[in-house]
């Protein structure tokens, strides 16, 4: 059994589920596999809109530093607030 298709919280997920990058105005077609998952907001983004945070994030899929560019800014701001 693979993870091509599964459902969590009413959302279809998996590399067999086609979608569009969730970044506003980005037309790139992707899938809802772990390679495109933001581990902070749990939306899916193309490689252009994914980056690595300095701190790992937790979500339904486990733990990773892979986050979207918007969440990366939030994580950086939180780290700065903690260090101040």
PDB file of N, CA and C in Angstrom:
ATOM      1  N   UNK A   1       0.843  -1.178   0.000  1.00  0.00           N
ATOM      2  CA  UNK A   1       0.000   0.000   0.000  1.00  0.00           C
ATOM      3  C   UNK A   1       0.885   1.236   0.000  1.00  0.00           C
ATOM      4  N   UNK A   2       0.606   2.181  -0.873  1.00  0.00           N
ATOM      5  CA  UNK A   2       1.388   3.403  -0.968  1.00  0.00           C
ATOM      6  C   UNK A   2       0.602   4.605  -0.499  1.00  0.00           C
ATOM      7  N   UNK A   3       1.171   5.760  -0.726  1.00  0.00           N
ATOM      8  CA  UNK A   3       0.542   7.013  -0.314  1.00  0.00           C
ATOM      9  C   UNK A   3       0.141   7.851  -1.522  1.00  0.00           C
ATOM     10  N   UNK A   4      -0.270   7.218  -2.585  1.00  0.00           N
ATOM     11  CA  UNK A   4      -0.690   7.947  -3.775  1.00  0.00           C
ATOM     12  C   UNK A   4      -1.957   8.746  -3.503  1.00  0.00           C
ATOM     13  N   UNK A   5      -2.809   8.227  -2.631  1.00  0.00           N
ATOM     14  CA  UNK A   5      -4.055   8.918  -2.303  1.00  0.00           C
ATOM     15  C   UNK A   5      -4.474   8.563  -0.890  1.00  0.00           C
ATOM     16  N   UNK A   6      -4.726   9.561  -0.090  1.00  0.00           N
ATOM     17  CA  UNK A   6      -5.304   9.360   1.238  1.00  0.00           C
ATOM     18  C   UNK A   6      -6.017  10.645   1.636  1.00  0.00           C
ATOM     19  N   UNK A   7      -6.802  10.591   2.672  1.00  0.00           N
ATOM     20  CA  UNK A   7      -7.594  11.748   3.082  1.00  0.00           C
ATOM     21  C   UNK A   7      -7.397  12.001   4.574  1.00  0.00           C
ATOM     22  N   UNK A   8      -7.117  13.249   4.909  1.00  0.00           N
ATOM     23  CA  UNK A   8      -6.983  13.680   6.301  1.00  0.00           C
ATOM     24  C   UNK A   8      -7.773  14.960   6.458  1.00  0.00           C
ATOM     25  N   UNK A   9      -8.662  14.980   7.421  1.00  0.00           N
ATOM     26  CA  UNK A   9      -9.452  16.188   7.681  1.00  0.00           C
ATOM     27  C   UNK A   9     -10.272  16.648   6.499  1.00  0.00           C
ATOM     28  N   UNK A  10     -10.728  15.733   5.681  1.00  0.00           N
ATOM     29  CA  UNK A  10     -11.555  16.082   4.533  1.00  0.00           C
ATOM     30  C   UNK A  10     -10.766  16.549   3.315  1.00  0.00           C
ATOM     31  N   UNK A  11      -9.430  16.602   3.420  1.00  0.00           N
ATOM     32  CA  UNK A  11      -8.611  17.026   2.285  1.00  0.00           C
ATOM     33  C   UNK A  11      -7.930  15.819   1.656  1.00  0.00           C
ATOM     34  N   UNK A  12      -8.066  15.703   0.336  1.00  0.00           N
ATOM     35  CA  UNK A  12      -7.397  14.623  -0.391  1.00  0.00           C
ATOM     36  C   UNK A  12      -5.914  14.971  -0.496  1.00  0.00           C
ATOM     37  N   UNK A  13      -5.070  13.998  -0.145  1.00  0.00           N
ATOM     38  CA  UNK A  13      -3.632  14.220  -0.151  1.00  0.00           C
ATOM     39  C   UNK A  13      -2.942  13.055  -0.820  1.00  0.00           C
ATOM     40  N   UNK A  14      -1.680  13.235  -1.171  1.00  0.00           N
ATOM     41  CA  UNK A  14      -0.879  12.181  -1.775  1.00  0.00           C
ATOM     42  C   UNK A  14      -0.349  12.587  -3.134  1.00  0.00           C
ATOM     43  N   UNK A  15       0.702  11.896  -3.576  1.00  0.00           N
ATOM     44  CA  UNK A  15       1.321  12.254  -4.847  1.00  0.00           C
ATOM     45  C   UNK A  15       0.429  11.925  -6.038  1.00  0.00           C
ATOM     46  N   UNK A  16      -0.648  11.202  -5.840  1.00  0.00           N
ATOM     47  CA  UNK A  16      -1.591  10.915  -6.912  1.00  0.00           C
ATOM     48  C   UNK A  16      -2.683  11.955  -7.043  1.00  0.00           C
ATOM     49  N   UNK A  17      -2.668  12.968  -6.178  1.00  0.00           N
ATOM     50  CA  UNK A  17      -3.697  14.021  -6.199  1.00  0.00           C
ATOM     51  C   UNK A  17      -3.081  15.265  -6.824  1.00  0.00           C
ATOM     52  N   UNK A  18      -3.531  15.619  -8.000  1.00  0.00           N
ATOM     53  CA  UNK A  18      -3.023  16.779  -8.720  1.00  0.00           C
ATOM     54  C   UNK A  18      -3.636  18.061  -8.166  1.00  0.00           C
ATOM     55  N   UNK A  19      -2.845  19.122  -8.145  1.00  0.00           N
ATOM     56  CA  UNK A  19      -3.348  20.428  -7.716  1.00  0.00           C
ATOM     57  C   UNK A  19      -2.453  21.509  -8.302  1.00  0.00           C
ATOM     58  N   UNK A  20      -2.722  22.733  -7.941  1.00  0.00           N
ATOM     59  CA  UNK A  20      -1.946  23.889  -8.363  1.00  0.00           C
ATOM     60  C   UNK A  20      -1.219  24.416  -7.139  1.00  0.00           C
ATOM     61  N   UNK A  21      -0.046  24.997  -7.314  1.00  0.00           N
ATOM     62  CA  UNK A  21       0.692  25.614  -6.212  1.00  0.00           C
ATOM     63  C   UNK A  21      -0.235  26.582  -5.478  1.00  0.00           C
ATOM     64  N   UNK A  22      -0.213  26.537  -4.144  1.00  0.00           N
ATOM     65  CA  UNK A  22      -1.112  27.380  -3.359  1.00  0.00           C
ATOM     66  C   UNK A  22      -0.638  28.823  -3.205  1.00  0.00           C
ATOM     67  N   UNK A  23       0.536  29.150  -3.754  1.00  0.00           N
ATOM     68  CA  UNK A  23       0.986  30.542  -3.724  1.00  0.00           C
ATOM     69  C   UNK A  23       0.102  31.343  -4.665  1.00  0.00           C
ATOM     70  N   UNK A  24      -0.374  32.454  -4.203  1.00  0.00           N
ATOM     71  CA  UNK A  24      -1.285  33.290  -5.006  1.00  0.00           C
ATOM     72  C   UNK A  24      -0.643  33.644  -6.346  1.00  0.00           C
ATOM     73  N   UNK A  25      -1.383  33.469  -7.400  1.00  0.00           N
ATOM     74  CA  UNK A  25      -1.010  33.792  -8.781  1.00  0.00           C
ATOM     75  C   UNK A  25       0.056  32.876  -9.376  1.00  0.00           C
ATOM     76  N   UNK A  26       0.419  31.801  -8.712  1.00  0.00           N
ATOM     77  CA  UNK A  26       1.382  30.855  -9.286  1.00  0.00           C
ATOM     78  C   UNK A  26       0.608  29.790 -10.068  1.00  0.00           C
ATOM     79  N   UNK A  27       0.890  29.639 -11.354  1.00  0.00           N
ATOM     80  CA  UNK A  27       0.135  28.699 -12.182  1.00  0.00           C
ATOM     81  C   UNK A  27       0.696  27.278 -12.217  1.00  0.00           C
ATOM     82  N   UNK A  28       1.803  27.018 -11.526  1.00  0.00           N
ATOM     83  CA  UNK A  28       2.469  25.719 -11.649  1.00  0.00           C
ATOM     84  C   UNK A  28       1.599  24.583 -11.111  1.00  0.00           C
ATOM     85  N   UNK A  29       1.575  23.494 -11.895  1.00  0.00           N
ATOM     86  CA  UNK A  29       0.827  22.291 -11.526  1.00  0.00           C
ATOM     87  C   UNK A  29       1.756  21.372 -10.738  1.00  0.00           C
ATOM     88  N   UNK A  30       1.280  20.893  -9.588  1.00  0.00           N
ATOM     89  CA  UNK A  30       2.049  19.994  -8.729  1.00  0.00           C
ATOM     90  C   UNK A  30       1.121  18.884  -8.248  1.00  0.00           C
ATOM     91  N   UNK A  31       1.561  18.119  -7.273  1.00  0.00           N
ATOM     92  CA  UNK A  31       0.682  17.143  -6.645  1.00  0.00           C
ATOM     93  C   UNK A  31       0.706  17.392  -5.142  1.00  0.00           C
ATOM     94  N   UNK A  32      -0.080  16.670  -4.411  1.00  0.00           N
ATOM     95  CA  UNK A  32      -0.142  16.849  -2.963  1.00  0.00           C
ATOM     96  C   UNK A  32       0.685  15.797  -2.232  1.00  0.00           C
ATOM     97  N   UNK A  33       1.864  15.525  -2.763  1.00  0.00           N
ATOM     98  CA  UNK A  33       2.801  14.626  -2.104  1.00  0.00           C
ATOM     99  C   UNK A  33       3.664  15.379  -1.108  1.00  0.00           C
ATOM    100  N   UNK A  34       4.418  14.656  -0.297  1.00  0.00           N
ATOM    101  CA  UNK A  34       5.242  15.267   0.746  1.00  0.00           C
ATOM    102  C   UNK A  34       6.315  16.196   0.191  1.00  0.00           C
ATOM    103  N   UNK A  35       6.741  15.988  -1.029  1.00  0.00           N
ATOM    104  CA  UNK A  35       7.776  16.837  -1.615  1.00  0.00           C
ATOM    105  C   UNK A  35       7.315  18.283  -1.782  1.00  0.00           C
ATOM    106  N   UNK A  36       6.018  18.517  -1.813  1.00  0.00           N
ATOM    107  CA  UNK A  36       5.472  19.861  -2.017  1.00  0.00           C
ATOM    108  C   UNK A  36       4.787  20.420  -0.774  1.00  0.00           C
ATOM    109  N   UNK A  37       4.864  19.731   0.340  1.00  0.00           N
ATOM    110  CA  UNK A  37       4.152  20.105   1.565  1.00  0.00           C
ATOM    111  C   UNK A  37       4.912  21.134   2.385  1.00  0.00           C
ATOM    112  N   UNK A  38       4.216  22.171   2.832  1.00  0.00           N
ATOM    113  CA  UNK A  38       4.756  23.091   3.830  1.00  0.00           C
ATOM    114  C   UNK A  38       4.391  22.501   5.189  1.00  0.00           C
ATOM    115  N   UNK A  39       5.382  22.206   6.001  1.00  0.00           N
ATOM    116  CA  UNK A  39       5.141  21.550   7.281  1.00  0.00           C
ATOM    117  C   UNK A  39       4.634  22.505   8.355  1.00  0.00           C
ATOM    118  N   UNK A  40       4.436  23.755   8.014  1.00  0.00           N
ATOM    119  CA  UNK A  40       3.873  24.706   8.981  1.00  0.00           C
ATOM    120  C   UNK A  40       2.393  24.959   8.703  1.00  0.00           C
ATOM    121  N   UNK A  41       2.066  25.376   7.491  1.00  0.00           N
ATOM    122  CA  UNK A  41       0.659  25.691   7.177  1.00  0.00           C
ATOM    123  C   UNK A  41      -0.076  24.501   6.566  1.00  0.00           C
ATOM    124  N   UNK A  42       0.635  23.466   6.182  1.00  0.00           N
ATOM    125  CA  UNK A  42       0.134  22.223   5.582  1.00  0.00           C
ATOM    126  C   UNK A  42      -0.538  22.411   4.215  1.00  0.00           C
ATOM    127  N   UNK A  43      -0.170  23.469   3.488  1.00  0.00           N
ATOM    128  CA  UNK A  43      -0.598  23.644   2.107  1.00  0.00           C
ATOM    129  C   UNK A  43       0.530  23.165   1.210  1.00  0.00           C
ATOM    130  N   UNK A  44       0.301  23.143  -0.088  1.00  0.00           N
ATOM    131  CA  UNK A  44       1.248  22.585  -1.044  1.00  0.00           C
ATOM    132  C   UNK A  44       1.761  23.656  -1.999  1.00  0.00           C
ATOM    133  N   UNK A  45       3.087  23.653  -2.230  1.00  0.00           N
ATOM    134  CA  UNK A  45       3.729  24.700  -3.017  1.00  0.00           C
ATOM    135  C   UNK A  45       4.753  24.098  -3.972  1.00  0.00           C
ATOM    136  N   UNK A  46       4.969  24.776  -5.089  1.00  0.00           N
ATOM    137  CA  UNK A  46       5.996  24.338  -6.041  1.00  0.00           C
ATOM    138  C   UNK A  46       7.379  24.600  -5.433  1.00  0.00           C
ATOM    139  N   UNK A  47       8.412  24.079  -6.071  1.00  0.00           N
ATOM    140  CA  UNK A  47       9.768  24.241  -5.571  1.00  0.00           C
ATOM    141  C   UNK A  47      10.219  25.683  -5.477  1.00  0.00           C
ATOM    142  N   UNK A  48       9.657  26.534  -6.296  1.00  0.00           N
ATOM    143  CA  UNK A  48      10.011  27.956  -6.270  1.00  0.00           C
ATOM    144  C   UNK A  48       9.509  28.642  -4.992  1.00  0.00           C
ATOM    145  N   UNK A  49       8.430  28.117  -4.405  1.00  0.00           N
ATOM    146  CA  UNK A  49       7.828  28.738  -3.223  1.00  0.00           C
ATOM    147  C   UNK A  49       8.042  27.943  -1.940  1.00  0.00           C
ATOM    148  N   UNK A  50       8.942  26.952  -1.983  1.00  0.00           N
ATOM    149  CA  UNK A  50       9.329  26.206  -0.788  1.00  0.00           C
ATOM    150  C   UNK A  50      10.768  26.529  -0.431  1.00  0.00           C
ATOM    151  N   UNK A  51      11.060  26.534   0.847  1.00  0.00           N
ATOM    152  CA  UNK A  51      12.410  26.784   1.337  1.00  0.00           C
ATOM    153  C   UNK A  51      12.610  25.997   2.626  1.00  0.00           C
ATOM    154  N   UNK A  52      13.714  26.191   3.271  1.00  0.00           N
ATOM    155  CA  UNK A  52      13.981  25.529   4.552  1.00  0.00           C
ATOM    156  C   UNK A  52      14.022  26.557   5.664  1.00  0.00           C
ATOM    157  N   UNK A  53      13.363  26.249   6.759  1.00  0.00           N
ATOM    158  CA  UNK A  53      13.394  27.109   7.941  1.00  0.00           C
ATOM    159  C   UNK A  53      14.582  26.704   8.806  1.00  0.00           C
ATOM    160  N   UNK A  54      14.991  27.594   9.685  1.00  0.00           N
ATOM    161  CA  UNK A  54      16.099  27.279  10.591  1.00  0.00           C
ATOM    162  C   UNK A  54      15.674  26.275  11.653  1.00  0.00           C
ATOM    163  N   UNK A  55      14.388  26.189  11.898  1.00  0.00           N
ATOM    164  CA  UNK A  55      13.858  25.317  12.936  1.00  0.00           C
ATOM    165  C   UNK A  55      12.846  24.356  12.325  1.00  0.00           C
ATOM    166  N   UNK A  56      12.893  23.094  12.714  1.00  0.00           N
ATOM    167  CA  UNK A  56      11.943  22.110  12.190  1.00  0.00           C
ATOM    168  C   UNK A  56      10.529  22.425  12.662  1.00  0.00           C
ATOM    169  N   UNK A  57       9.553  22.089  11.809  1.00  0.00           N
ATOM    170  CA  UNK A  57       8.139  22.297  12.086  1.00  0.00           C
ATOM    171  C   UNK A  57       7.462  20.942  12.169  1.00  0.00           C
ATOM    172  N   UNK A  58       6.386  20.847  12.940  1.00  0.00           N
ATOM    173  CA  UNK A  58       5.643  19.601  13.057  1.00  0.00           C
ATOM    174  C   UNK A  58       4.257  19.747  12.443  1.00  0.00           C
ATOM    175  N   UNK A  59       3.821  18.678  11.779  1.00  0.00           N
ATOM    176  CA  UNK A  59       2.457  18.634  11.246  1.00  0.00           C
ATOM    177  C   UNK A  59       2.034  17.174  11.164  1.00  0.00           C
ATOM    178  N   UNK A  60       0.913  16.909  10.520  1.00  0.00           N
ATOM    179  CA  UNK A  60       0.372  15.551  10.421  1.00  0.00           C
ATOM    180  C   UNK A  60       1.356  14.583   9.773  1.00  0.00           C
ATOM    181  N   UNK A  61       2.279  15.090   8.962  1.00  0.00           N
ATOM    182  CA  UNK A  61       3.200  14.230   8.230  1.00  0.00           C
ATOM    183  C   UNK A  61       4.513  13.993   8.970  1.00  0.00           C
ATOM    184  N   UNK A  62       4.650  14.575  10.136  1.00  0.00           N
ATOM    185  CA  UNK A  62       5.878  14.397  10.900  1.00  0.00           C
ATOM    186  C   UNK A  62       6.577  15.715  11.154  1.00  0.00           C
ATOM    187  N   UNK A  63       7.891  15.718  10.986  1.00  0.00           N
ATOM    188  CA  UNK A  63       8.700  16.886  11.306  1.00  0.00           C
ATOM    189  C   UNK A  63       9.678  17.167  10.168  1.00  0.00           C
ATOM    190  N   UNK A  64       9.768  18.432   9.769  1.00  0.00           N
ATOM    191  CA  UNK A  64      10.686  18.824   8.705  1.00  0.00           C
ATOM    192  C   UNK A  64      10.895  20.328   8.755  1.00  0.00           C
ATOM    193  N   UNK A  65      11.976  20.788   8.138  1.00  0.00           N
ATOM    194  CA  UNK A  65      12.249  22.222   8.037  1.00  0.00           C
ATOM    195  C   UNK A  65      11.681  22.796   6.738  1.00  0.00           C
ATOM    196  N   UNK A  66      11.029  21.959   5.919  1.00  0.00           N
ATOM    197  CA  UNK A  66      10.471  22.401   4.638  1.00  0.00           C
ATOM    198  C   UNK A  66       9.229  23.250   4.868  1.00  0.00           C
ATOM    199  N   UNK A  67       9.310  24.528   4.481  1.00  0.00           N
ATOM    200  CA  UNK A  67       8.192  25.456   4.653  1.00  0.00           C
ATOM    201  C   UNK A  67       8.051  26.330   3.411  1.00  0.00           C
ATOM    202  N   UNK A  68       6.890  26.924   3.255  1.00  0.00           N
ATOM    203  CA  UNK A  68       6.675  27.861   2.154  1.00  0.00           C
ATOM    204  C   UNK A  68       7.372  29.180   2.498  1.00  0.00           C
ATOM    205  N   UNK A  69       7.514  30.046   1.526  1.00  0.00           N
ATOM    206  CA  UNK A  69       8.230  31.301   1.741  1.00  0.00           C
ATOM    207  C   UNK A  69       7.526  32.196   2.763  1.00  0.00           C
ATOM    208  N   UNK A  70       6.205  32.200   2.774  1.00  0.00           N
ATOM    209  CA  UNK A  70       5.470  33.008   3.763  1.00  0.00           C
ATOM    210  C   UNK A  70       5.714  32.487   5.176  1.00  0.00           C
ATOM    211  N   UNK A  71       5.633  31.189   5.366  1.00  0.00           N
ATOM    212  CA  UNK A  71       5.859  30.601   6.693  1.00  0.00           C
ATOM    213  C   UNK A  71       7.310  30.764   7.132  1.00  0.00           C
ATOM    214  N   UNK A  72       8.234  30.753   6.186  1.00  0.00           N
ATOM    215  CA  UNK A  72       9.641  30.951   6.511  1.00  0.00           C
ATOM    216  C   UNK A  72       9.844  32.321   7.149  1.00  0.00           C
ATOM    217  N   UNK A  73       9.184  33.332   6.611  1.00  0.00           N
ATOM    218  CA  UNK A  73       9.275  34.679   7.180  1.00  0.00           C
ATOM    219  C   UNK A  73       8.717  34.698   8.603  1.00  0.00           C
ATOM    220  N   UNK A  74       7.610  33.984   8.830  1.00  0.00           N
ATOM    221  CA  UNK A  74       7.006  33.918  10.166  1.00  0.00           C
ATOM    222  C   UNK A  74       7.924  33.210  11.152  1.00  0.00           C
ATOM    223  N   UNK A  75       8.531  32.106  10.734  1.00  0.00           N
ATOM    224  CA  UNK A  75       9.434  31.355  11.600  1.00  0.00           C
ATOM    225  C   UNK A  75      10.638  32.226  11.966  1.00  0.00           C
ATOM    226  N   UNK A  76      11.192  32.932  10.982  1.00  0.00           N
ATOM    227  CA  UNK A  76      12.329  33.809  11.242  1.00  0.00           C
ATOM    228  C   UNK A  76      11.966  34.909  12.237  1.00  0.00           C
ATOM    229  N   UNK A  77      10.775  35.489  12.087  1.00  0.00           N
ATOM    230  CA  UNK A  77      10.332  36.546  13.006  1.00  0.00           C
ATOM    231  C   UNK A  77      10.169  35.985  14.422  1.00  0.00           C
ATOM    232  N   UNK A  78       9.608  34.788  14.555  1.00  0.00           N
ATOM    233  CA  UNK A  78       9.455  34.164  15.874  1.00  0.00           C
ATOM    234  C   UNK A  78      10.803  33.895  16.528  1.00  0.00           C
ATOM    235  N   UNK A  79      11.774  33.438  15.743  1.00  0.00           N
ATOM    236  CA  UNK A  79      13.116  33.189  16.274  1.00  0.00           C
ATOM    237  C   UNK A  79      13.772  34.479  16.756  1.00  0.00           C
ATOM    238  N   UNK A  80      13.573  35.554  16.010  1.00  0.00           N
ATOM    239  CA  UNK A  80      14.125  36.860  16.410  1.00  0.00           C
ATOM    240  C   UNK A  80      13.488  37.346  17.698  1.00  0.00           C
ATOM    241  N   UNK A  81      12.159  37.141  17.838  1.00  0.00           N
ATOM    242  CA  UNK A  81      11.454  37.557  19.052  1.00  0.00           C
ATOM    243  C   UNK A  81      11.950  36.782  20.265  1.00  0.00           C
ATOM    244  N   UNK A  82      12.212  35.496  20.085  1.00  0.00           N
ATOM    245  CA  UNK A  82      12.701  34.659  21.187  1.00  0.00           C
ATOM    246  C   UNK A  82      14.111  35.041  21.628  1.00  0.00           C
ATOM    247  N   UNK A  83      14.924  35.449  20.655  1.00  0.00           N
ATOM    248  CA  UNK A  83      16.309  35.775  20.987  1.00  0.00           C
ATOM    249  C   UNK A  83      16.463  37.197  21.537  1.00  0.00           C
ATOM    250  N   UNK A  84      15.436  38.012  21.398  1.00  0.00           N
ATOM    251  CA  UNK A  84      15.512  39.415  21.870  1.00  0.00           C
ATOM    252  C   UNK A  84      15.292  39.533  23.360  1.00  0.00           C
TER     253      UNK A  84
END
